[in-house]
Amino acid sequence: MSLNQLTAHQLSDLLAKGEVTSEQVLLDTLDRIEEMEAKVNAFITVFREQALQQARQVDDRRRRGEQLGPLAGVPLPVKDNICV
């Protein structure tokens, strides 16, 4: 099963245990978006570079042992009808 098929709870557990990184989860998610976008047309904009930068920051913080929220590193899409 690929990472993009897991629930947020499952991803959170894997991230907390260090079994995957935020960057790995994000890259898998971005690959799935790229694979399906032409068919589903779900996104107007994907901020790939900004998302990768944020995922790497979360990974760095996790490596330093910082306290992180349960969803830190779990990708979250934001509907395009919200002003970003």
N, C-alpha and C. Protein backbone atom coordinates (compact mmCIF):
# COMPACT_ATOMS: atom_id res chain seq x y z
N MET A 1 0.85 -1.18 0.00
CA MET A 1 0.00 0.00 0.00
C MET A 1 0.89 1.24 0.00
N SER A 2 0.56 2.20 -0.86
CA SER A 2 1.36 3.42 -0.90
C SER A 2 0.93 4.37 0.21
N LEU A 3 1.80 5.28 0.53
CA LEU A 3 1.56 6.21 1.63
C LEU A 3 0.30 7.04 1.41
N ASN A 4 -0.01 7.37 0.15
CA ASN A 4 -1.17 8.23 -0.11
C ASN A 4 -2.49 7.51 0.10
N GLN A 5 -2.46 6.23 0.40
CA GLN A 5 -3.69 5.49 0.67
C GLN A 5 -3.93 5.32 2.17
N LEU A 6 -3.02 5.80 2.99
CA LEU A 6 -3.16 5.68 4.44
C LEU A 6 -3.98 6.83 5.00
N THR A 7 -4.58 6.61 6.14
CA THR A 7 -5.32 7.67 6.81
C THR A 7 -4.35 8.64 7.47
N ALA A 8 -4.86 9.80 7.84
CA ALA A 8 -4.04 10.79 8.54
C ALA A 8 -3.53 10.19 9.84
N HIS A 9 -4.34 9.41 10.51
CA HIS A 9 -3.93 8.78 11.78
C HIS A 9 -2.79 7.80 11.54
N GLN A 10 -2.89 7.00 10.51
CA GLN A 10 -1.83 6.04 10.19
C GLN A 10 -0.54 6.76 9.83
N LEU A 11 -0.64 7.81 9.03
CA LEU A 11 0.55 8.59 8.66
C LEU A 11 1.17 9.23 9.88
N SER A 12 0.34 9.78 10.75
CA SER A 12 0.83 10.41 11.97
C SER A 12 1.63 9.41 12.80
N ASP A 13 1.12 8.20 12.94
CA ASP A 13 1.83 7.17 13.70
C ASP A 13 3.18 6.83 13.06
N LEU A 14 3.19 6.65 11.74
CA LEU A 14 4.44 6.31 11.04
C LEU A 14 5.46 7.44 11.18
N LEU A 15 4.99 8.67 11.07
CA LEU A 15 5.89 9.83 11.20
C LEU A 15 6.45 9.91 12.62
N ALA A 16 5.60 9.73 13.62
CA ALA A 16 6.03 9.80 15.02
C ALA A 16 7.05 8.72 15.35
N LYS A 17 6.90 7.55 14.75
CA LYS A 17 7.83 6.43 14.99
C LYS A 17 9.11 6.56 14.17
N GLY A 18 9.13 7.51 13.23
CA GLY A 18 10.31 7.69 12.39
C GLY A 18 10.40 6.66 11.27
N GLU A 19 9.30 5.99 10.97
CA GLU A 19 9.30 4.97 9.92
C GLU A 19 9.25 5.59 8.53
N VAL A 20 8.75 6.81 8.44
CA VAL A 20 8.76 7.58 7.20
C VAL A 20 9.05 9.03 7.56
N THR A 21 9.44 9.81 6.57
CA THR A 21 9.65 11.23 6.79
C THR A 21 8.50 12.02 6.17
N SER A 22 8.36 13.24 6.60
CA SER A 22 7.35 14.13 6.03
C SER A 22 7.60 14.32 4.55
N GLU A 23 8.87 14.42 4.19
CA GLU A 23 9.20 14.60 2.78
C GLU A 23 8.77 13.38 1.95
N GLN A 24 8.98 12.18 2.47
CA GLN A 24 8.55 10.97 1.75
C GLN A 24 7.04 10.96 1.56
N VAL A 25 6.32 11.28 2.61
CA VAL A 25 4.86 11.30 2.54
C VAL A 25 4.41 12.33 1.51
N LEU A 26 5.00 13.51 1.55
CA LEU A 26 4.62 14.56 0.62
C LEU A 26 4.94 14.18 -0.82
N LEU A 27 6.12 13.65 -1.07
CA LEU A 27 6.49 13.27 -2.44
C LEU A 27 5.53 12.21 -2.99
N ASP A 28 5.13 11.27 -2.15
CA ASP A 28 4.17 10.26 -2.58
C ASP A 28 2.83 10.91 -2.92
N THR A 29 2.43 11.87 -2.10
CA THR A 29 1.17 12.58 -2.33
C THR A 29 1.25 13.41 -3.62
N LEU A 30 2.35 14.11 -3.81
CA LEU A 30 2.51 14.91 -5.02
C LEU A 30 2.54 14.04 -6.27
N ASP A 31 3.16 12.87 -6.18
CA ASP A 31 3.16 11.94 -7.32
C ASP A 31 1.74 11.51 -7.66
N ARG A 32 0.94 11.24 -6.63
CA ARG A 32 -0.45 10.83 -6.85
C ARG A 32 -1.26 11.96 -7.45
N ILE A 33 -1.05 13.17 -7.00
CA ILE A 33 -1.75 14.31 -7.57
C ILE A 33 -1.41 14.43 -9.06
N GLU A 34 -0.13 14.34 -9.37
CA GLU A 34 0.31 14.44 -10.76
C GLU A 34 -0.30 13.33 -11.61
N GLU A 35 -0.36 12.14 -11.05
CA GLU A 35 -0.91 10.99 -11.77
C GLU A 35 -2.41 11.16 -12.06
N MET A 36 -3.16 11.72 -11.13
CA MET A 36 -4.62 11.75 -11.23
C MET A 36 -5.20 13.10 -11.68
N GLU A 37 -4.43 14.15 -11.62
CA GLU A 37 -4.98 15.49 -11.82
C GLU A 37 -5.69 15.66 -13.16
N ALA A 38 -5.16 15.14 -14.23
CA ALA A 38 -5.80 15.30 -15.53
C ALA A 38 -7.19 14.66 -15.55
N LYS A 39 -7.35 13.62 -14.78
CA LYS A 39 -8.64 12.91 -14.73
C LYS A 39 -9.64 13.58 -13.79
N VAL A 40 -9.18 14.02 -12.62
CA VAL A 40 -10.12 14.52 -11.61
C VAL A 40 -10.20 16.04 -11.54
N ASN A 41 -9.18 16.73 -12.03
CA ASN A 41 -9.17 18.19 -12.05
C ASN A 41 -9.55 18.78 -10.69
N ALA A 42 -8.84 18.36 -9.65
CA ALA A 42 -9.18 18.74 -8.28
C ALA A 42 -8.43 19.98 -7.79
N PHE A 43 -7.32 20.32 -8.42
CA PHE A 43 -6.49 21.41 -7.93
C PHE A 43 -6.28 22.47 -8.99
N ILE A 44 -6.38 23.73 -8.59
CA ILE A 44 -6.03 24.83 -9.48
C ILE A 44 -4.54 25.09 -9.36
N THR A 45 -4.03 25.04 -8.12
CA THR A 45 -2.63 25.34 -7.85
C THR A 45 -2.07 24.32 -6.86
N VAL A 46 -0.88 23.84 -7.14
CA VAL A 46 -0.15 22.98 -6.20
C VAL A 46 1.17 23.69 -5.91
N PHE A 47 1.38 24.01 -4.64
CA PHE A 47 2.59 24.71 -4.22
C PHE A 47 3.68 23.70 -3.86
N ARG A 48 4.20 23.03 -4.87
CA ARG A 48 5.15 21.92 -4.69
C ARG A 48 6.39 22.34 -3.90
N GLU A 49 7.06 23.37 -4.33
CA GLU A 49 8.32 23.77 -3.69
C GLU A 49 8.10 24.25 -2.25
N GLN A 50 7.05 25.02 -2.04
CA GLN A 50 6.76 25.50 -0.68
C GLN A 50 6.40 24.32 0.23
N ALA A 51 5.64 23.38 -0.30
CA ALA A 51 5.25 22.21 0.49
C ALA A 51 6.48 21.37 0.83
N LEU A 52 7.38 21.20 -0.12
CA LEU A 52 8.62 20.44 0.15
C LEU A 52 9.46 21.14 1.20
N GLN A 53 9.55 22.45 1.12
CA GLN A 53 10.32 23.20 2.11
C GLN A 53 9.71 23.00 3.51
N GLN A 54 8.40 23.08 3.60
CA GLN A 54 7.74 22.90 4.90
C GLN A 54 7.91 21.48 5.42
N ALA A 55 7.83 20.49 4.53
CA ALA A 55 8.01 19.09 4.95
C ALA A 55 9.42 18.89 5.49
N ARG A 56 10.40 19.47 4.83
CA ARG A 56 11.79 19.34 5.29
C ARG A 56 11.98 20.03 6.64
N GLN A 57 11.30 21.16 6.84
CA GLN A 57 11.38 21.84 8.13
C GLN A 57 10.78 20.98 9.25
N VAL A 58 9.67 20.33 8.97
CA VAL A 58 9.06 19.44 9.95
C VAL A 58 10.01 18.28 10.26
N ASP A 59 10.61 17.72 9.22
CA ASP A 59 11.57 16.63 9.44
C ASP A 59 12.75 17.08 10.29
N ASP A 60 13.26 18.27 10.02
CA ASP A 60 14.37 18.81 10.82
C ASP A 60 13.96 18.98 12.28
N ARG A 61 12.78 19.53 12.49
CA ARG A 61 12.30 19.72 13.86
C ARG A 61 12.11 18.38 14.57
N ARG A 62 11.60 17.39 13.84
CA ARG A 62 11.41 16.07 14.44
C ARG A 62 12.76 15.45 14.82
N ARG A 63 13.76 15.60 13.94
CA ARG A 63 15.10 15.06 14.23
C ARG A 63 15.72 15.73 15.45
N ARG A 64 15.41 17.01 15.66
CA ARG A 64 15.93 17.72 16.84
C ARG A 64 15.16 17.37 18.11
N GLY A 65 14.12 16.58 17.97
CA GLY A 65 13.36 16.16 19.14
C GLY A 65 12.33 17.16 19.61
N GLU A 66 12.00 18.12 18.77
CA GLU A 66 11.00 19.12 19.16
C GLU A 66 9.62 18.47 19.29
N GLN A 67 8.82 19.03 20.17
CA GLN A 67 7.44 18.57 20.34
C GLN A 67 6.63 19.06 19.14
N LEU A 68 5.98 18.15 18.43
CA LEU A 68 5.19 18.50 17.26
C LEU A 68 3.75 18.04 17.45
N GLY A 69 2.84 18.72 16.79
CA GLY A 69 1.45 18.32 16.84
C GLY A 69 1.24 16.99 16.12
N PRO A 70 0.12 16.34 16.37
CA PRO A 70 -0.12 15.01 15.79
C PRO A 70 -0.22 15.00 14.28
N LEU A 71 -0.55 16.11 13.66
CA LEU A 71 -0.66 16.14 12.20
C LEU A 71 0.54 16.77 11.52
N ALA A 72 1.58 17.05 12.26
CA ALA A 72 2.80 17.61 11.66
C ALA A 72 3.36 16.63 10.64
N GLY A 73 3.49 17.09 9.41
CA GLY A 73 4.03 16.25 8.35
C GLY A 73 2.99 15.53 7.52
N VAL A 74 1.72 15.62 7.92
CA VAL A 74 0.65 15.00 7.16
C VAL A 74 0.14 16.02 6.14
N PRO A 75 0.21 15.71 4.83
CA PRO A 75 -0.24 16.68 3.83
C PRO A 75 -1.73 16.98 3.98
N LEU A 76 -2.07 18.24 3.75
CA LEU A 76 -3.45 18.68 3.87
C LEU A 76 -3.80 19.58 2.69
N PRO A 77 -4.72 19.15 1.83
CA PRO A 77 -5.13 20.02 0.73
C PRO A 77 -6.07 21.10 1.26
N VAL A 78 -6.00 22.27 0.64
CA VAL A 78 -6.89 23.37 0.99
C VAL A 78 -7.73 23.68 -0.25
N LYS A 79 -9.02 23.63 -0.08
CA LYS A 79 -9.92 23.89 -1.21
C LYS A 79 -9.66 25.25 -1.81
N ASP A 80 -9.64 25.35 -3.13
CA ASP A 80 -9.30 26.57 -3.82
C ASP A 80 -10.32 27.69 -3.66
N ASN A 81 -11.46 27.41 -3.04
CA ASN A 81 -12.41 28.49 -2.84
C ASN A 81 -12.11 29.28 -1.57
N ILE A 82 -11.02 28.94 -0.89
CA ILE A 82 -10.56 29.67 0.27
C ILE A 82 -9.45 30.60 -0.19
N CYS A 83 -9.51 31.85 0.20
CA CYS A 83 -8.49 32.82 -0.19
C CYS A 83 -7.15 32.43 0.42
N VAL A 84 -6.16 32.18 -0.43
CA VAL A 84 -4.84 31.79 0.08
C VAL A 84 -3.83 32.88 -0.17
